[in-house]
Amino acid sequence: MLNNLKINKAFTLLVISIIFLIIVTAFIITKEKPSTPLEKPVIEESQGGKVNITKFTKEVYTIPTADNFEITLTRYIGHKKPPIILIHGMGGNHLIFDWDKNHSLARFLAADNWDVWLLDLRTHDGDGDFLFGKLRGLDSDREYMNRYWDFDRTYLKKDVVAAVEFVKEKTKQDKIILGGQSYGGYLAYAYAELIGENDLAGIITTGASPYANPEDFQPSFSEMNNYGFYLGEKAFVRPFGHPYTTWAKYQIDYYIKNFQTAETLFCKDTTSEFIQKDICYCGDNEPAGVWVDIYFGKNPRKYDGHWVDPQTLYDYSANLHKITVPIIFIAGENDLQDPSDDVYKAYESVSSEYKKFLEFDDHSHLDLVLGDDAKDLIFPEITDWLNSIFFVID
């Protein structure tokens, strides 16, 4: 009898353990990644005459860099027009250009037959980069990050150069169009200035000011001190400071619970609230070197409102005149991070014959690509401009 009771008790404990493991496993498994259909686009004509693309030819490539790290390129294949490489902003990734079918500059351009490539810089993969992320249902494994990776020597000369070379080889095209949101746009400016324009057919930027108006850009000294330090006019990474930017999961949970529109990134409800919330969980960390290059390099207390490389003192703002390829600047009137006045100043500074500046009311930094009205208001302006210069780059 006692033996039977012991067996029954052991069996019950075994069943409970199995059930517990099933529950825990289900909790840890991350949501399924979207499939990547290989068939050609299926085009449907709506009643209003607009073309809706329901499926795309989509490919994903992992590309080695010259220093033995990796970048990722996601491609929406166009069928007639030259390739466009789009680069995300600080802490971002390709999702900024391809959130869903209603918020996707990538798919909009592909629907107009442009060959679209979305560049994820090293370790930028949209997993949130939270420590112990898998235990919270997040697809994160805390990728290796070198605190000395920086804007120009790493992201520009290693990652972007590798992407351009790969796309040119893959498409058999001599020139590409380079586009970027925020510091993705900075990388486009820097490519034209430092690498040259031989590979470029044009530039597209959204919310990307290569200036730092003292009235708007005032980085916190205490925060700057966490990542770097000044030595005379130059700035360097702090060897024992924070190695990378990061947000703890509990901080973002608290922010979402007490959610209010992040005015530096969004203007009220121009972008759906669910996107404003969800994007907080999709960010990626930045190495200290990049943070120093951007925030120290755009410190108006040091460089009179210019954007300068804080190690070499190369002045990106003063060299905008080197840009001669066709270029379009998209700015948000309510963008507190990259103000439209500063973007317009960049428009005036470039030497391009074919250039255009557009400002949109009630749009902040990320509304320009994620706003609910972007596909009807902003994206058509980009494709219209691209098609207007097509004869220049064809």
Protein backbone atom coordinates (compact mmCIF):
# COMPACT_ATOMS: atom_id res chain seq x y z
CA MET A 1 0.00 0.00 0.00
CA LEU A 2 2.76 2.43 1.00
CA ASN A 3 4.67 1.52 -2.13
CA ASN A 4 1.60 2.30 -4.26
CA LEU A 5 1.20 5.67 -2.51
CA LYS A 6 4.85 6.49 -3.13
CA ILE A 7 4.51 5.51 -6.80
CA ASN A 8 1.35 7.61 -7.22
CA LYS A 9 2.99 10.56 -5.49
CA ALA A 10 6.09 10.27 -7.69
CA PHE A 11 3.94 9.98 -10.80
CA THR A 12 1.95 13.09 -9.81
CA LEU A 13 5.13 15.08 -9.24
CA LEU A 14 6.45 13.92 -12.62
CA VAL A 15 3.27 15.07 -14.39
CA ILE A 16 3.38 18.46 -12.62
CA SER A 17 7.03 18.88 -13.60
CA ILE A 18 6.29 18.10 -17.25
CA ILE A 19 3.40 20.59 -17.30
CA PHE A 20 5.63 23.24 -15.70
CA LEU A 21 8.35 22.66 -18.32
CA ILE A 22 5.81 22.97 -21.13
CA ILE A 23 4.55 26.29 -19.74
CA VAL A 24 8.06 27.68 -19.25
CA THR A 25 9.10 26.58 -22.74
CA ALA A 26 6.05 28.23 -24.27
CA PHE A 27 6.86 31.44 -22.39
CA ILE A 28 10.48 31.52 -23.51
CA ILE A 29 9.88 30.77 -27.19
CA THR A 30 9.95 34.01 -29.12
CA LYS A 31 7.32 34.96 -31.65
CA GLU A 32 7.73 33.45 -35.07
CA LYS A 33 9.65 35.57 -37.56
CA PRO A 34 7.72 36.56 -40.67
CA SER A 35 8.18 34.35 -43.68
CA THR A 36 9.98 35.60 -46.76
CA PRO A 37 7.97 34.73 -49.87
CA LEU A 38 10.06 34.00 -52.94
CA GLU A 39 7.38 34.54 -55.55
CA LYS A 40 7.22 37.67 -57.71
CA PRO A 41 5.00 40.58 -56.57
CA VAL A 42 1.26 40.06 -56.88
CA ILE A 43 -0.22 43.39 -57.97
CA GLU A 44 -3.83 44.26 -57.21
CA GLU A 45 -5.58 47.39 -58.48
CA SER A 46 -7.74 49.12 -55.86
CA GLN A 47 -10.90 51.11 -56.65
CA GLY A 48 -9.04 54.38 -56.14
CA GLY A 49 -6.49 53.43 -58.76
CA LYS A 50 -3.69 52.85 -56.26
CA VAL A 51 -1.50 49.81 -56.69
CA ASN A 52 -1.33 47.42 -53.74
CA ILE A 53 1.49 44.91 -53.54
CA THR A 54 0.57 41.82 -51.57
CA LYS A 55 3.72 39.75 -52.01
CA PHE A 56 7.34 40.54 -52.78
CA THR A 57 10.49 38.80 -53.77
CA LYS A 58 12.48 39.12 -50.55
CA GLU A 59 16.01 37.93 -49.78
CA VAL A 60 18.24 38.23 -46.72
CA TYR A 61 22.05 38.22 -46.90
CA THR A 62 24.69 38.07 -44.16
CA ILE A 63 27.81 39.84 -45.39
CA PRO A 64 31.32 39.71 -43.85
CA THR A 65 33.17 42.99 -43.31
CA ALA A 66 36.87 43.72 -43.73
CA ASP A 67 37.42 43.36 -39.96
CA ASN A 68 35.70 39.94 -39.80
CA PHE A 69 32.32 40.99 -38.42
CA GLU A 70 28.96 40.81 -40.16
CA ILE A 71 26.26 43.07 -41.53
CA THR A 72 22.82 42.06 -42.79
CA LEU A 73 21.10 43.16 -45.99
CA THR A 74 17.38 42.58 -46.54
CA ARG A 75 16.36 42.95 -50.16
CA TYR A 76 13.01 43.69 -51.78
CA ILE A 77 13.76 43.03 -55.40
CA GLY A 78 12.79 45.67 -57.93
CA HIS A 79 12.56 44.75 -61.58
CA LYS A 80 13.50 47.83 -63.58
CA LYS A 81 15.20 50.56 -61.57
CA PRO A 82 18.59 50.97 -59.82
CA PRO A 83 19.33 49.73 -56.28
CA ILE A 84 18.64 51.82 -53.18
CA ILE A 85 20.39 51.08 -49.87
CA LEU A 86 18.53 52.40 -46.81
CA ILE A 87 20.38 52.80 -43.49
CA HIS A 88 18.63 52.97 -40.11
CA GLY A 89 19.30 55.51 -37.37
CA MET A 90 20.96 55.28 -33.96
CA GLY A 91 19.67 52.36 -31.92
CA GLY A 92 17.55 51.26 -34.87
CA ASN A 93 17.49 48.59 -37.55
CA HIS A 94 15.72 47.72 -40.80
CA LEU A 95 12.30 47.69 -39.10
CA ILE A 96 12.27 51.48 -39.28
CA PHE A 97 11.79 51.10 -43.05
CA ASP A 98 9.66 47.95 -42.95
CA TRP A 99 7.46 47.82 -39.85
CA ASP A 100 4.42 46.25 -41.52
CA LYS A 101 2.60 46.47 -44.84
CA ASN A 102 1.05 49.84 -43.93
CA HIS A 103 4.28 51.35 -42.59
CA SER A 104 7.00 50.36 -45.05
CA LEU A 105 9.06 52.68 -47.20
CA ALA A 106 10.87 49.58 -48.46
CA ARG A 107 7.74 47.96 -49.89
CA PHE A 108 6.50 51.28 -51.26
CA LEU A 109 9.72 51.76 -53.21
CA ALA A 110 9.71 48.13 -54.37
CA ALA A 111 6.14 48.59 -55.61
CA ASP A 112 7.53 51.36 -57.82
CA ASN A 113 10.11 48.88 -59.16
CA TRP A 114 13.14 50.17 -57.23
CA ASP A 115 15.54 47.48 -56.06
CA VAL A 116 15.55 48.07 -52.28
CA TRP A 117 18.24 46.95 -49.83
CA LEU A 118 17.86 47.51 -46.08
CA LEU A 119 21.19 47.62 -44.25
CA ASP A 120 21.47 46.44 -40.65
CA LEU A 121 24.80 47.62 -39.29
CA ARG A 122 26.74 45.13 -37.13
CA THR A 123 24.75 43.79 -34.13
CA HIS A 124 21.64 45.73 -35.22
CA ASP A 125 18.98 43.06 -35.56
CA GLY A 126 15.91 44.36 -33.72
CA ASP A 127 16.15 41.98 -30.76
CA GLY A 128 16.11 44.64 -28.07
CA ASP A 129 19.57 43.77 -26.72
CA PHE A 130 18.22 43.21 -23.20
CA LEU A 131 20.38 41.23 -20.80
CA PHE A 132 18.78 37.82 -20.15
CA GLY A 133 16.29 38.67 -22.89
CA LYS A 134 15.41 35.06 -23.64
CA LEU A 135 14.06 34.62 -20.12
CA ARG A 136 11.61 37.43 -20.84
CA GLY A 137 10.47 36.14 -24.21
CA LEU A 138 12.82 38.38 -26.21
CA ASP A 139 15.04 37.16 -29.02
CA SER A 140 18.33 38.39 -27.54
CA ASP A 141 21.67 36.77 -26.87
CA ARG A 142 23.69 39.90 -26.08
CA GLU A 143 25.95 40.09 -29.10
CA TYR A 144 29.58 41.01 -28.70
CA MET A 145 30.14 44.76 -28.96
CA ASN A 146 33.46 46.59 -28.98
CA ARG A 147 33.33 49.91 -27.13
CA TYR A 148 35.77 51.42 -29.67
CA TRP A 149 33.63 50.77 -32.74
CA ASP A 150 32.84 54.22 -34.06
CA PHE A 151 30.96 56.18 -36.71
CA ASP A 152 33.60 56.70 -39.39
CA ARG A 153 36.23 53.97 -39.04
CA THR A 154 33.71 51.19 -38.31
CA TYR A 155 30.19 51.94 -39.51
CA LEU A 156 31.17 54.03 -42.53
CA LYS A 157 34.43 52.52 -43.77
CA LYS A 158 33.69 48.90 -42.82
CA ASP A 159 29.92 48.32 -42.79
CA VAL A 160 28.56 50.77 -45.38
CA VAL A 161 31.47 50.22 -47.76
CA ALA A 162 30.93 46.43 -47.55
CA ALA A 163 27.21 46.90 -48.25
CA VAL A 164 27.80 49.13 -51.29
CA GLU A 165 30.39 46.77 -52.75
CA PHE A 166 28.13 43.75 -52.26
CA VAL A 167 25.06 45.40 -53.79
CA LYS A 168 27.03 46.65 -56.79
CA GLU A 169 28.42 43.17 -57.38
CA LYS A 170 25.09 41.43 -56.87
CA THR A 171 23.10 43.78 -59.12
CA LYS A 172 25.88 44.42 -61.66
CA GLN A 173 25.24 48.15 -61.27
CA ASP A 174 28.02 50.75 -61.15
CA LYS A 175 26.10 53.18 -58.91
CA ILE A 176 23.59 52.97 -56.08
CA ILE A 177 21.29 55.40 -54.30
CA LEU A 178 22.12 55.78 -50.61
CA GLY A 179 19.41 56.73 -48.13
CA GLY A 180 19.19 57.02 -44.39
CA GLN A 181 17.07 57.96 -41.40
CA SER A 182 18.78 60.16 -38.77
CA TYR A 183 22.40 58.98 -38.42
CA GLY A 184 21.75 56.70 -41.40
CA GLY A 185 21.50 60.00 -43.27
CA TYR A 186 24.70 61.19 -41.60
CA LEU A 187 26.39 58.08 -43.00
CA ALA A 188 25.13 59.00 -46.48
CA TYR A 189 26.59 62.51 -46.17
CA ALA A 190 29.86 61.10 -44.83
CA TYR A 191 30.07 58.51 -47.62
CA ALA A 192 29.81 61.23 -50.27
CA GLU A 193 32.41 63.39 -48.49
CA LEU A 194 34.98 60.81 -47.37
CA ILE A 195 34.55 57.77 -49.62
CA GLY A 196 33.50 59.76 -52.68
CA GLU A 197 30.63 59.93 -55.13
CA ASN A 198 31.89 57.49 -57.76
CA ASP A 199 29.51 54.82 -56.41
CA LEU A 200 26.56 57.17 -55.81
CA ALA A 201 23.62 57.99 -58.08
CA GLY A 202 21.79 59.96 -55.41
CA ILE A 203 21.05 60.45 -51.70
CA ILE A 204 17.79 60.33 -49.70
CA THR A 205 17.70 61.53 -46.08
CA THR A 206 14.88 61.73 -43.56
CA GLY A 207 15.34 63.57 -40.26
CA ALA A 208 19.11 63.93 -40.72
CA SER A 209 20.69 67.26 -39.77
CA PRO A 210 24.48 67.57 -40.17
CA TYR A 211 24.38 70.62 -37.90
CA ALA A 212 23.79 71.11 -34.17
CA ASN A 213 21.82 74.25 -33.40
CA PRO A 214 22.83 75.39 -29.88
CA GLU A 215 19.19 76.16 -29.11
CA ASP A 216 18.11 72.59 -29.79
CA PHE A 217 21.12 70.34 -29.24
CA GLN A 218 22.35 70.40 -25.64
CA PRO A 219 23.75 66.99 -24.63
CA SER A 220 23.93 66.31 -20.89
CA PHE A 221 27.49 66.66 -19.55
CA SER A 222 26.93 63.89 -16.98
CA GLU A 223 25.70 61.48 -19.65
CA MET A 224 28.56 62.42 -21.98
CA ASN A 225 30.97 61.70 -19.14
CA ASN A 226 29.70 58.10 -18.98
CA TYR A 227 31.02 57.37 -22.47
CA GLY A 228 33.89 59.69 -23.25
CA PHE A 229 36.09 62.63 -22.32
CA TYR A 230 37.64 65.70 -23.89
CA LEU A 231 41.36 66.19 -24.30
CA GLY A 232 41.70 69.73 -25.57
CA GLU A 233 39.48 70.11 -28.63
CA LYS A 234 39.31 66.36 -29.24
CA ALA A 235 37.16 63.69 -27.58
CA PHE A 236 37.82 60.01 -26.95
CA VAL A 237 36.09 56.91 -25.57
CA ARG A 238 36.44 56.50 -21.81
CA PRO A 239 38.31 53.18 -21.35
CA PHE A 240 36.45 52.30 -18.14
CA GLY A 241 33.16 54.05 -18.86
CA HIS A 242 29.96 52.57 -20.24
CA PRO A 243 30.91 50.26 -23.14
CA TYR A 244 27.59 50.72 -24.91
CA THR A 245 24.22 52.40 -24.59
CA THR A 246 21.49 50.33 -23.02
CA TRP A 247 18.05 50.40 -21.45
CA ALA A 248 17.07 47.89 -18.81
CA LYS A 249 13.92 45.92 -19.55
CA TYR A 250 12.20 47.11 -16.36
CA GLN A 251 12.80 50.75 -17.38
CA ILE A 252 11.02 50.27 -20.69
CA ASP A 253 8.24 48.26 -19.02
CA TYR A 254 7.71 51.23 -16.68
CA TYR A 255 7.82 53.69 -19.58
CA ILE A 256 5.20 51.70 -21.51
CA LYS A 257 2.97 51.37 -18.44
CA ASN A 258 3.04 55.15 -17.98
CA PHE A 259 3.13 55.83 -21.70
CA GLN A 260 3.13 59.34 -23.09
CA THR A 261 4.15 60.30 -26.60
CA ALA A 262 7.93 60.65 -26.85
CA GLU A 263 7.96 64.13 -28.35
CA THR A 264 11.60 63.95 -29.45
CA LEU A 265 10.68 61.00 -31.69
CA PHE A 266 6.94 61.29 -32.40
CA CYS A 267 4.42 64.10 -32.74
CA LYS A 268 1.28 63.25 -30.76
CA ASP A 269 -0.65 60.53 -32.64
CA THR A 270 0.82 60.98 -36.13
CA THR A 271 2.22 57.49 -35.62
CA SER A 272 0.00 54.79 -34.11
CA GLU A 273 0.42 54.34 -30.38
CA PHE A 274 1.11 50.62 -30.74
CA ILE A 275 4.14 51.40 -32.94
CA GLN A 276 5.39 54.08 -30.54
CA LYS A 277 5.27 51.49 -27.77
CA ASP A 278 6.48 48.40 -29.60
CA ILE A 279 9.49 50.11 -31.14
CA CYS A 280 10.93 50.51 -27.63
CA TYR A 281 11.43 46.73 -27.50
CA CYS A 282 13.12 46.56 -30.92
CA GLY A 283 16.05 48.90 -30.37
CA ASP A 284 19.70 47.94 -30.51
CA ASN A 285 22.61 49.15 -28.40
CA GLU A 286 25.31 51.46 -29.74
CA PRO A 287 29.00 51.19 -28.84
CA ALA A 288 30.51 54.03 -26.84
CA GLY A 289 32.63 55.03 -29.83
CA VAL A 290 29.56 55.82 -31.93
CA TRP A 291 27.93 57.70 -29.06
CA VAL A 292 31.06 59.82 -28.61
CA ASP A 293 31.36 60.55 -32.34
CA ILE A 294 27.76 61.76 -32.56
CA TYR A 295 27.14 63.51 -29.25
CA PHE A 296 30.60 64.88 -28.59
CA GLY A 297 31.00 65.62 -32.29
CA LYS A 298 27.80 67.69 -32.41
CA ASN A 299 28.37 69.51 -29.12
CA PRO A 300 27.58 73.17 -29.91
CA ARG A 301 29.60 74.28 -26.89
CA LYS A 302 32.72 72.99 -28.68
CA TYR A 303 32.21 73.27 -32.42
CA ASP A 304 29.86 76.26 -32.91
CA GLY A 305 26.93 74.21 -34.14
CA HIS A 306 28.92 72.17 -36.65
CA TRP A 307 29.14 68.37 -36.76
CA VAL A 308 32.80 67.43 -36.37
CA ASP A 309 34.70 64.16 -36.02
CA PRO A 310 35.94 64.58 -32.42
CA GLN A 311 39.15 62.59 -32.98
CA THR A 312 40.34 63.99 -36.34
CA LEU A 313 38.41 67.31 -36.14
CA TYR A 314 37.20 66.77 -39.72
CA ASP A 315 34.23 69.15 -40.16
CA TYR A 316 31.36 67.34 -41.91
CA SER A 317 29.20 70.46 -41.95
CA ALA A 318 31.87 72.63 -43.57
CA ASN A 319 32.40 70.02 -46.30
CA LEU A 320 28.80 69.55 -47.39
CA HIS A 321 29.66 71.50 -50.54
CA LYS A 322 31.49 68.35 -51.73
CA ILE A 323 28.11 66.69 -52.30
CA THR A 324 27.08 67.11 -55.95
CA VAL A 325 24.85 64.09 -56.63
CA PRO A 326 21.04 64.46 -56.68
CA ILE A 327 19.75 64.65 -53.10
CA ILE A 328 16.44 65.00 -51.30
CA PHE A 329 16.07 66.19 -47.69
CA ILE A 330 12.90 65.20 -45.77
CA ALA A 331 12.31 67.08 -42.50
CA GLY A 332 9.65 67.20 -39.79
CA GLU A 333 8.46 70.59 -38.55
CA ASN A 334 8.13 69.14 -35.04
CA ASP A 335 11.41 67.21 -35.05
CA LEU A 336 13.22 68.24 -31.87
CA GLN A 337 16.14 65.89 -32.48
CA ASP A 338 17.08 66.98 -36.01
CA PRO A 339 15.25 70.31 -36.48
CA SER A 340 13.98 71.19 -39.93
CA ASP A 341 15.82 74.54 -39.91
CA ASP A 342 19.12 72.68 -39.58
CA VAL A 343 18.13 70.23 -42.32
CA TYR A 344 17.29 73.19 -44.59
CA LYS A 345 20.72 74.64 -43.85
CA ALA A 346 22.21 71.39 -45.17
CA TYR A 347 20.04 71.69 -48.29
CA GLU A 348 21.51 75.15 -48.89
CA SER A 349 25.07 73.92 -48.29
CA VAL A 350 25.30 71.07 -50.83
CA SER A 351 26.41 71.78 -54.40
CA SER A 352 23.95 69.39 -56.08
CA GLU A 353 22.17 70.67 -59.17
CA TYR A 354 19.21 68.36 -58.52
CA LYS A 355 18.23 68.87 -54.89
CA LYS A 356 14.96 69.15 -53.01
CA PHE A 357 13.86 70.03 -49.48
CA LEU A 358 10.49 69.02 -48.03
CA GLU A 359 9.11 69.83 -44.57
CA PHE A 360 6.02 68.15 -43.11
CA ASP A 361 3.83 69.69 -40.41
CA ASP A 362 2.87 67.63 -37.35
CA HIS A 363 5.75 65.22 -37.95
CA SER A 364 8.62 64.53 -35.59
CA HIS A 365 11.74 62.41 -36.01
CA LEU A 366 10.30 58.93 -36.64
CA ASP A 367 6.91 60.03 -37.97
CA LEU A 368 8.67 60.67 -41.28
CA VAL A 369 8.98 56.92 -41.90
CA LEU A 370 6.52 55.36 -39.43
CA GLY A 371 3.66 57.86 -39.49
CA ASP A 372 0.24 56.50 -40.38
CA ASP A 373 0.05 59.05 -43.20
CA ALA A 374 3.58 58.50 -44.53
CA LYS A 375 2.53 56.12 -47.30
CA ASP A 376 0.09 58.71 -48.68
CA LEU A 377 1.91 61.94 -47.82
CA ILE A 378 5.69 61.37 -47.72
CA PHE A 379 6.57 58.18 -49.60
CA PRO A 380 4.96 59.37 -52.86
CA GLU A 381 7.10 62.52 -52.68
CA ILE A 382 10.20 60.33 -52.50
CA THR A 383 9.22 58.15 -55.46
CA ASP A 384 8.15 61.21 -57.49
CA TRP A 385 11.56 62.78 -56.86
CA LEU A 386 13.38 59.55 -57.68
CA ASN A 387 11.48 59.19 -60.93
CA SER A 388 12.15 62.84 -61.80
CA ILE A 389 15.93 62.28 -61.56
CA PHE A 390 15.84 58.84 -63.14
CA PHE A 391 17.05 60.29 -66.45
CA VAL A 392 20.10 61.67 -64.62
CA ILE A 393 21.10 58.31 -63.14
CA ASP A 394 19.86 55.96 -65.87
